[in-house]
Amino acid sequence: MNRHQLLVRLDEAGVSNRFYGISTRDLSTFDHLLEAVPVLVEGADGRWSIDVWERGERRVKASFDSEEEACSHLCADVMRQWEIYRSR
């Protein structure tokens, strides 16, 4: 799955766009994020990461060689968190 497919999948699942972000050269979705949500980041070196910002500090949560790996990881993580949130 690529970043565009990820966006569609999360949207179809009803996941609020405040629970994740995407920051790539052609797609940026994180206007109103909650604190400490995962953000898919496309690095200048061609690597992909899942980053989290807390109190203005960036932390790399996971790093990947491919977009597909990063998107799959983010999708699973966000879906898991969304289900927990919805079950409250």
PDB file of N, CA and C in Angstrom:
ATOM      1  N   MET A   1       0.856  -1.165   0.000  1.00  0.00           N
ATOM      2  CA  MET A   1       0.000   0.000   0.000  1.00  0.00           C
ATOM      3  C   MET A   1       0.901   1.226   0.000  1.00  0.00           C
ATOM      4  N   ASN A   2       0.493   2.251  -0.748  1.00  0.00           N
ATOM      5  CA  ASN A   2       1.234   3.501  -0.741  1.00  0.00           C
ATOM      6  C   ASN A   2       0.485   4.534   0.106  1.00  0.00           C
ATOM      7  N   ARG A   3       1.034   5.752   0.197  1.00  0.00           N
ATOM      8  CA  ARG A   3       0.448   6.776   1.076  1.00  0.00           C
ATOM      9  C   ARG A   3      -0.957   7.182   0.659  1.00  0.00           C
ATOM     10  N   HIS A   4      -1.233   7.173  -0.625  1.00  0.00           N
ATOM     11  CA  HIS A   4      -2.574   7.528  -1.094  1.00  0.00           C
ATOM     12  C   HIS A   4      -3.583   6.428  -0.752  1.00  0.00           C
ATOM     13  N   GLN A   5      -3.176   5.180  -0.920  1.00  0.00           N
ATOM     14  CA  GLN A   5      -4.029   4.058  -0.543  1.00  0.00           C
ATOM     15  C   GLN A   5      -4.242   4.016   0.962  1.00  0.00           C
ATOM     16  N   LEU A   6      -3.208   4.353   1.727  1.00  0.00           N
ATOM     17  CA  LEU A   6      -3.330   4.423   3.181  1.00  0.00           C
ATOM     18  C   LEU A   6      -4.383   5.440   3.578  1.00  0.00           C
ATOM     19  N   LEU A   7      -4.337   6.594   2.983  1.00  0.00           N
ATOM     20  CA  LEU A   7      -5.298   7.655   3.276  1.00  0.00           C
ATOM     21  C   LEU A   7      -6.718   7.189   2.990  1.00  0.00           C
ATOM     22  N   VAL A   8      -6.920   6.531   1.861  1.00  0.00           N
ATOM     23  CA  VAL A   8      -8.241   6.018   1.496  1.00  0.00           C
ATOM     24  C   VAL A   8      -8.692   4.945   2.485  1.00  0.00           C
ATOM     25  N   ARG A   9      -7.800   4.028   2.825  1.00  0.00           N
ATOM     26  CA  ARG A   9      -8.162   2.936   3.740  1.00  0.00           C
ATOM     27  C   ARG A   9      -8.585   3.471   5.107  1.00  0.00           C
ATOM     28  N   LEU A  10      -7.823   4.425   5.638  1.00  0.00           N
ATOM     29  CA  LEU A  10      -8.171   4.986   6.947  1.00  0.00           C
ATOM     30  C   LEU A  10      -9.460   5.787   6.882  1.00  0.00           C
ATOM     31  N   ASP A  11      -9.656   6.501   5.800  1.00  0.00           N
ATOM     32  CA  ASP A  11     -10.894   7.260   5.615  1.00  0.00           C
ATOM     33  C   ASP A  11     -12.097   6.328   5.526  1.00  0.00           C
ATOM     34  N   GLU A  12     -11.978   5.258   4.759  1.00  0.00           N
ATOM     35  CA  GLU A  12     -13.071   4.286   4.624  1.00  0.00           C
ATOM     36  C   GLU A  12     -13.390   3.607   5.952  1.00  0.00           C
ATOM     37  N   ALA A  13     -12.380   3.457   6.812  1.00  0.00           N
ATOM     38  CA  ALA A  13     -12.589   2.842   8.125  1.00  0.00           C
ATOM     39  C   ALA A  13     -13.173   3.839   9.128  1.00  0.00           C
ATOM     40  N   GLY A  14     -13.297   5.093   8.714  1.00  0.00           N
ATOM     41  CA  GLY A  14     -13.878   6.104   9.585  1.00  0.00           C
ATOM     42  C   GLY A  14     -12.915   6.698  10.600  1.00  0.00           C
ATOM     43  N   VAL A  15     -11.624   6.475  10.406  1.00  0.00           N
ATOM     44  CA  VAL A  15     -10.619   6.979  11.341  1.00  0.00           C
ATOM     45  C   VAL A  15     -10.515   8.497  11.205  1.00  0.00           C
ATOM     46  N   SER A  16     -10.619   9.190  12.317  1.00  0.00           N
ATOM     47  CA  SER A  16     -10.484  10.641  12.318  1.00  0.00           C
ATOM     48  C   SER A  16      -9.082  11.031  11.862  1.00  0.00           C
ATOM     49  N   ASN A  17      -8.988  12.047  11.009  1.00  0.00           N
ATOM     50  CA  ASN A  17      -7.670  12.466  10.528  1.00  0.00           C
ATOM     51  C   ASN A  17      -6.876  13.200  11.605  1.00  0.00           C
ATOM     52  N   ARG A  18      -7.404  13.295  12.796  1.00  0.00           N
ATOM     53  CA  ARG A  18      -6.650  13.845  13.929  1.00  0.00           C
ATOM     54  C   ARG A  18      -5.816  12.771  14.616  1.00  0.00           C
ATOM     55  N   PHE A  19      -5.977  11.492  14.205  1.00  0.00           N
ATOM     56  CA  PHE A  19      -5.281  10.382  14.833  1.00  0.00           C
ATOM     57  C   PHE A  19      -4.024   9.957  14.096  1.00  0.00           C
ATOM     58  N   TYR A  20      -3.702  10.600  12.992  1.00  0.00           N
ATOM     59  CA  TYR A  20      -2.507  10.268  12.213  1.00  0.00           C
ATOM     60  C   TYR A  20      -2.167  11.453  11.318  1.00  0.00           C
ATOM     61  N   GLY A  21      -0.971  11.410  10.784  1.00  0.00           N
ATOM     62  CA  GLY A  21      -0.565  12.443   9.833  1.00  0.00           C
ATOM     63  C   GLY A  21       0.270  11.834   8.726  1.00  0.00           C
ATOM     64  N   ILE A  22       0.311  12.535   7.612  1.00  0.00           N
ATOM     65  CA  ILE A  22       1.150  12.140   6.482  1.00  0.00           C
ATOM     66  C   ILE A  22       1.895  13.393   6.031  1.00  0.00           C
ATOM     67  N   SER A  23       3.207  13.284   5.962  1.00  0.00           N
ATOM     68  CA  SER A  23       4.027  14.418   5.546  1.00  0.00           C
ATOM     69  C   SER A  23       4.998  13.952   4.463  1.00  0.00           C
ATOM     70  N   THR A  24       4.584  14.117   3.211  1.00  0.00           N
ATOM     71  CA  THR A  24       5.410  13.717   2.076  1.00  0.00           C
ATOM     72  C   THR A  24       5.469  14.863   1.083  1.00  0.00           C
ATOM     73  N   ARG A  25       6.274  14.703   0.047  1.00  0.00           N
ATOM     74  CA  ARG A  25       6.456  15.788  -0.916  1.00  0.00           C
ATOM     75  C   ARG A  25       5.173  16.172  -1.641  1.00  0.00           C
ATOM     76  N   ASP A  26       4.227  15.253  -1.740  1.00  0.00           N
ATOM     77  CA  ASP A  26       2.998  15.560  -2.480  1.00  0.00           C
ATOM     78  C   ASP A  26       1.715  15.412  -1.655  1.00  0.00           C
ATOM     79  N   LEU A  27       1.856  15.161  -0.364  1.00  0.00           N
ATOM     80  CA  LEU A  27       0.676  14.948   0.469  1.00  0.00           C
ATOM     81  C   LEU A  27       0.992  15.348   1.908  1.00  0.00           C
ATOM     82  N   SER A  28       0.184  16.216   2.455  1.00  0.00           N
ATOM     83  CA  SER A  28       0.371  16.658   3.833  1.00  0.00           C
ATOM     84  C   SER A  28      -1.005  16.739   4.490  1.00  0.00           C
ATOM     85  N   THR A  29      -1.182  15.994   5.581  1.00  0.00           N
ATOM     86  CA  THR A  29      -2.519  15.882   6.177  1.00  0.00           C
ATOM     87  C   THR A  29      -2.593  16.263   7.638  1.00  0.00           C
ATOM     88  N   PHE A  30      -1.587  16.880   8.180  1.00  0.00           N
ATOM     89  CA  PHE A  30      -1.588  17.036   9.624  1.00  0.00           C
ATOM     90  C   PHE A  30      -1.816  18.473  10.086  1.00  0.00           C
ATOM     91  N   ASP A  31      -2.944  19.037   9.735  1.00  0.00           N
ATOM     92  CA  ASP A  31      -3.282  20.385  10.157  1.00  0.00           C
ATOM     93  C   ASP A  31      -3.688  20.475  11.625  1.00  0.00           C
ATOM     94  N   HIS A  32      -4.449  19.504  12.101  1.00  0.00           N
ATOM     95  CA  HIS A  32      -4.995  19.568  13.469  1.00  0.00           C
ATOM     96  C   HIS A  32      -4.795  18.246  14.190  1.00  0.00           C
ATOM     97  N   LEU A  33      -3.554  17.872  14.411  1.00  0.00           N
ATOM     98  CA  LEU A  33      -3.256  16.601  15.063  1.00  0.00           C
ATOM     99  C   LEU A  33      -3.367  16.696  16.570  1.00  0.00           C
ATOM    100  N   LEU A  34      -3.742  15.593  17.163  1.00  0.00           N
ATOM    101  CA  LEU A  34      -3.659  15.466  18.610  1.00  0.00           C
ATOM    102  C   LEU A  34      -2.187  15.289  18.985  1.00  0.00           C
ATOM    103  N   GLU A  35      -1.856  15.572  20.202  1.00  0.00           N
ATOM    104  CA  GLU A  35      -0.484  15.383  20.683  1.00  0.00           C
ATOM    105  C   GLU A  35      -0.087  13.922  20.576  1.00  0.00           C
ATOM    106  N   ALA A  36       1.113  13.668  20.116  1.00  0.00           N
ATOM    107  CA  ALA A  36       1.734  12.337  20.106  1.00  0.00           C
ATOM    108  C   ALA A  36       1.092  11.338  19.152  1.00  0.00           C
ATOM    109  N   VAL A  37       0.531  11.792  18.044  1.00  0.00           N
ATOM    110  CA  VAL A  37       0.009  10.846  17.055  1.00  0.00           C
ATOM    111  C   VAL A  37       1.098  10.527  16.038  1.00  0.00           C
ATOM    112  N   PRO A  38       1.042   9.352  15.425  1.00  0.00           N
ATOM    113  CA  PRO A  38       2.067   8.967  14.460  1.00  0.00           C
ATOM    114  C   PRO A  38       1.900   9.705  13.130  1.00  0.00           C
ATOM    115  N   VAL A  39       3.034  10.098  12.560  1.00  0.00           N
ATOM    116  CA  VAL A  39       3.053  10.810  11.281  1.00  0.00           C
ATOM    117  C   VAL A  39       3.989  10.071  10.329  1.00  0.00           C
ATOM    118  N   LEU A  40       3.473   9.713   9.155  1.00  0.00           N
ATOM    119  CA  LEU A  40       4.285   9.107   8.108  1.00  0.00           C
ATOM    120  C   LEU A  40       5.130  10.205   7.470  1.00  0.00           C
ATOM    121  N   VAL A  41       6.452  10.015   7.451  1.00  0.00           N
ATOM    122  CA  VAL A  41       7.363  11.029   6.920  1.00  0.00           C
ATOM    123  C   VAL A  41       8.231  10.408   5.840  1.00  0.00           C
ATOM    124  N   GLU A  42       8.285  11.093   4.699  1.00  0.00           N
ATOM    125  CA  GLU A  42       9.166  10.690   3.606  1.00  0.00           C
ATOM    126  C   GLU A  42      10.475  11.451   3.762  1.00  0.00           C
ATOM    127  N   GLY A  43      11.556  10.727   3.980  1.00  0.00           N
ATOM    128  CA  GLY A  43      12.852  11.362   4.168  1.00  0.00           C
ATOM    129  C   GLY A  43      13.503  11.748   2.861  1.00  0.00           C
ATOM    130  N   ALA A  44      14.364  12.733   2.907  1.00  0.00           N
ATOM    131  CA  ALA A  44      15.095  13.180   1.719  1.00  0.00           C
ATOM    132  C   ALA A  44      16.015  12.091   1.187  1.00  0.00           C
ATOM    133  N   ASP A  45      16.404  11.162   2.047  1.00  0.00           N
ATOM    134  CA  ASP A  45      17.305  10.079   1.660  1.00  0.00           C
ATOM    135  C   ASP A  45      16.571   8.872   1.076  1.00  0.00           C
ATOM    136  N   GLY A  46      15.251   8.979   0.914  1.00  0.00           N
ATOM    137  CA  GLY A  46      14.472   7.879   0.354  1.00  0.00           C
ATOM    138  C   GLY A  46      13.934   6.914   1.396  1.00  0.00           C
ATOM    139  N   ARG A  47      14.313   7.104   2.644  1.00  0.00           N
ATOM    140  CA  ARG A  47      13.779   6.251   3.711  1.00  0.00           C
ATOM    141  C   ARG A  47      12.464   6.829   4.205  1.00  0.00           C
ATOM    142  N   TRP A  48      11.703   6.016   4.892  1.00  0.00           N
ATOM    143  CA  TRP A  48      10.396   6.393   5.423  1.00  0.00           C
ATOM    144  C   TRP A  48      10.410   6.179   6.922  1.00  0.00           C
ATOM    145  N   SER A  49       9.714   7.029   7.642  1.00  0.00           N
ATOM    146  CA  SER A  49       9.665   6.862   9.093  1.00  0.00           C
ATOM    147  C   SER A  49       8.281   7.200   9.620  1.00  0.00           C
ATOM    148  N   ILE A  50       8.034   6.701  10.806  1.00  0.00           N
ATOM    149  CA  ILE A  50       6.849   7.068  11.566  1.00  0.00           C
ATOM    150  C   ILE A  50       7.381   7.915  12.719  1.00  0.00           C
ATOM    151  N   ASP A  51       7.025   9.180  12.706  1.00  0.00           N
ATOM    152  CA  ASP A  51       7.510  10.121  13.707  1.00  0.00           C
ATOM    153  C   ASP A  51       6.375  10.534  14.631  1.00  0.00           C
ATOM    154  N   VAL A  52       6.758  10.944  15.830  1.00  0.00           N
ATOM    155  CA  VAL A  52       5.807  11.439  16.817  1.00  0.00           C
ATOM    156  C   VAL A  52       6.380  12.731  17.378  1.00  0.00           C
ATOM    157  N   TRP A  53       5.539  13.750  17.473  1.00  0.00           N
ATOM    158  CA  TRP A  53       5.941  15.003  18.087  1.00  0.00           C
ATOM    159  C   TRP A  53       5.221  15.136  19.424  1.00  0.00           C
ATOM    160  N   GLU A  54       6.016  15.346  20.462  1.00  0.00           N
ATOM    161  CA  GLU A  54       5.475  15.564  21.798  1.00  0.00           C
ATOM    162  C   GLU A  54       6.159  16.782  22.401  1.00  0.00           C
ATOM    163  N   ARG A  55       5.336  17.758  22.784  1.00  0.00           N
ATOM    164  CA  ARG A  55       5.854  18.994  23.377  1.00  0.00           C
ATOM    165  C   ARG A  55       6.915  19.640  22.493  1.00  0.00           C
ATOM    166  N   GLY A  56       6.676  19.614  21.196  1.00  0.00           N
ATOM    167  CA  GLY A  56       7.584  20.249  20.254  1.00  0.00           C
ATOM    168  C   GLY A  56       8.829  19.454  19.914  1.00  0.00           C
ATOM    169  N   GLU A  57       8.974  18.274  20.479  1.00  0.00           N
ATOM    170  CA  GLU A  57      10.137  17.423  20.228  1.00  0.00           C
ATOM    171  C   GLU A  57       9.763  16.288  19.283  1.00  0.00           C
ATOM    172  N   ARG A  58      10.582  16.074  18.268  1.00  0.00           N
ATOM    173  CA  ARG A  58      10.340  14.993  17.311  1.00  0.00           C
ATOM    174  C   ARG A  58      11.083  13.742  17.761  1.00  0.00           C
ATOM    175  N   ARG A  59      10.367  12.612  17.666  1.00  0.00           N
ATOM    176  CA  ARG A  59      10.952  11.314  17.981  1.00  0.00           C
ATOM    177  C   ARG A  59      10.610  10.362  16.844  1.00  0.00           C
ATOM    178  N   VAL A  60      11.594   9.653  16.334  1.00  0.00           N
ATOM    179  CA  VAL A  60      11.355   8.643  15.304  1.00  0.00           C
ATOM    180  C   VAL A  60      10.925   7.367  16.006  1.00  0.00           C
ATOM    181  N   LYS A  61       9.694   6.962  15.732  1.00  0.00           N
ATOM    182  CA  LYS A  61       9.128   5.762  16.359  1.00  0.00           C
ATOM    183  C   LYS A  61       9.564   4.503  15.626  1.00  0.00           C
ATOM    184  N   ALA A  62       9.656   4.597  14.287  1.00  0.00           N
ATOM    185  CA  ALA A  62      10.062   3.457  13.468  1.00  0.00           C
ATOM    186  C   ALA A  62      10.603   3.980  12.141  1.00  0.00           C
ATOM    187  N   SER A  63      11.512   3.218  11.530  1.00  0.00           N
ATOM    188  CA  SER A  63      12.123   3.624  10.268  1.00  0.00           C
ATOM    189  C   SER A  63      12.071   2.457   9.287  1.00  0.00           C
ATOM    190  N   PHE A  64      11.847   2.767   8.006  1.00  0.00           N
ATOM    191  CA  PHE A  64      11.637   1.729   6.996  1.00  0.00           C
ATOM    192  C   PHE A  64      12.376   2.056   5.702  1.00  0.00           C
ATOM    193  N   ASP A  65      12.710   1.027   4.944  1.00  0.00           N
ATOM    194  CA  ASP A  65      13.357   1.206   3.649  1.00  0.00           C
ATOM    195  C   ASP A  65      12.360   1.510   2.544  1.00  0.00           C
ATOM    196  N   SER A  66      11.093   1.123   2.746  1.00  0.00           N
ATOM    197  CA  SER A  66      10.117   1.308   1.662  1.00  0.00           C
ATOM    198  C   SER A  66       8.840   1.987   2.163  1.00  0.00           C
ATOM    199  N   GLU A  67       8.180   2.633   1.245  1.00  0.00           N
ATOM    200  CA  GLU A  67       6.895   3.270   1.522  1.00  0.00           C
ATOM    201  C   GLU A  67       5.865   2.232   1.936  1.00  0.00           C
ATOM    202  N   GLU A  68       5.877   1.087   1.266  1.00  0.00           N
ATOM    203  CA  GLU A  68       4.897   0.042   1.547  1.00  0.00           C
ATOM    204  C   GLU A  68       5.003  -0.454   2.985  1.00  0.00           C
ATOM    205  N   GLU A  69       6.238  -0.688   3.448  1.00  0.00           N
ATOM    206  CA  GLU A  69       6.435  -1.142   4.830  1.00  0.00           C
ATOM    207  C   GLU A  69       5.942  -0.089   5.824  1.00  0.00           C
ATOM    208  N   ALA A  70       6.305   1.147   5.582  1.00  0.00           N
ATOM    209  CA  ALA A  70       5.923   2.232   6.486  1.00  0.00           C
ATOM    210  C   ALA A  70       4.409   2.407   6.534  1.00  0.00           C
ATOM    211  N   CYS A  71       3.764   2.374   5.375  1.00  0.00           N
ATOM    212  CA  CYS A  71       2.315   2.550   5.320  1.00  0.00           C
ATOM    213  C   CYS A  71       1.589   1.393   6.001  1.00  0.00           C
ATOM    214  N   SER A  72       2.056   0.181   5.796  1.00  0.00           N
ATOM    215  CA  SER A  72       1.436  -0.979   6.445  1.00  0.00           C
ATOM    216  C   SER A  72       1.570  -0.884   7.956  1.00  0.00           C
ATOM    217  N   HIS A  73       2.744  -0.481   8.414  1.00  0.00           N
ATOM    218  CA  HIS A  73       2.973  -0.332   9.852  1.00  0.00           C
ATOM    219  C   HIS A  73       2.066   0.753  10.428  1.00  0.00           C
ATOM    220  N   LEU A  74       2.015   1.904   9.775  1.00  0.00           N
ATOM    221  CA  LEU A  74       1.181   3.000  10.265  1.00  0.00           C
ATOM    222  C   LEU A  74      -0.293   2.615  10.258  1.00  0.00           C
ATOM    223  N   CYS A  75      -0.740   1.961   9.212  1.00  0.00           N
ATOM    224  CA  CYS A  75      -2.145   1.558   9.118  1.00  0.00           C
ATOM    225  C   CYS A  75      -2.513   0.645  10.286  1.00  0.00           C
ATOM    226  N   ALA A  76      -1.702  -0.361  10.542  1.00  0.00           N
ATOM    227  CA  ALA A  76      -1.990  -1.295  11.635  1.00  0.00           C
ATOM    228  C   ALA A  76      -1.992  -0.577  12.978  1.00  0.00           C
ATOM    229  N   ASP A  77      -1.030   0.297  13.195  1.00  0.00           N
ATOM    230  CA  ASP A  77      -0.926   1.034  14.455  1.00  0.00           C
ATOM    231  C   ASP A  77      -2.125   1.955  14.656  1.00  0.00           C
ATOM    232  N   VAL A  78      -2.476   2.702  13.634  1.00  0.00           N
ATOM    233  CA  VAL A  78      -3.596   3.647  13.737  1.00  0.00           C
ATOM    234  C   VAL A  78      -4.922   2.909  13.909  1.00  0.00           C
ATOM    235  N   MET A  79      -5.123   1.845  13.158  1.00  0.00           N
ATOM    236  CA  MET A  79      -6.366   1.077  13.288  1.00  0.00           C
ATOM    237  C   MET A  79      -6.510   0.500  14.696  1.00  0.00           C
ATOM    238  N   ARG A  80      -5.422   0.016  15.260  1.00  0.00           N
ATOM    239  CA  ARG A  80      -5.442  -0.527  16.619  1.00  0.00           C
ATOM    240  C   ARG A  80      -5.822   0.576  17.616  1.00  0.00           C
ATOM    241  N   GLN A  81      -5.203   1.736  17.495  1.00  0.00           N
ATOM    242  CA  GLN A  81      -5.508   2.853  18.395  1.00  0.00           C
ATOM    243  C   GLN A  81      -6.934   3.361  18.201  1.00  0.00           C
ATOM    244  N   TRP A  82      -7.401   3.382  16.968  1.00  0.00           N
ATOM    245  CA  TRP A  82      -8.761   3.839  16.677  1.00  0.00           C
ATOM    246  C   TRP A  82      -9.784   2.917  17.326  1.00  0.00           C
ATOM    247  N   GLU A  83      -9.553   1.617  17.254  1.00  0.00           N
ATOM    248  CA  GLU A  83     -10.473   0.658  17.869  1.00  0.00           C
ATOM    249  C   GLU A  83     -10.513   0.836  19.383  1.00  0.00           C
ATOM    250  N   ILE A  84      -9.370   1.064  19.996  1.00  0.00           N
ATOM    251  CA  ILE A  84      -9.327   1.314  21.443  1.00  0.00           C
ATOM    252  C   ILE A  84     -10.115   2.570  21.770  1.00  0.00           C
ATOM    253  N   TYR A  85      -9.903   3.623  21.016  1.00  0.00           N
ATOM    254  CA  TYR A  85     -10.607   4.886  21.234  1.00  0.00           C
ATOM    255  C   TYR A  85     -12.115   4.716  21.100  1.00  0.00           C
ATOM    256  N   ARG A  86     -12.548   4.022  20.061  1.00  0.00           N
ATOM    257  CA  ARG A  86     -13.982   3.836  19.805  1.00  0.00           C
ATOM    258  C   ARG A  86     -14.644   2.947  20.843  1.00  0.00           C
ATOM    259  N   SER A  87     -13.903   2.046  21.485  1.00  0.00           N
ATOM    260  CA  SER A  87     -14.509   1.127  22.446  1.00  0.00           C
ATOM    261  C   SER A  87     -14.715   1.767  23.825  1.00  0.00           C
ATOM    262  N   ARG A  88     -14.240   2.974  24.012  1.00  0.00           N
ATOM    263  CA  ARG A  88     -14.410   3.646  25.315  1.00  0.00           C
ATOM    264  C   ARG A  88     -15.811   4.114  25.515  1.00  0.00           C
TER     265      ARG A  88
END
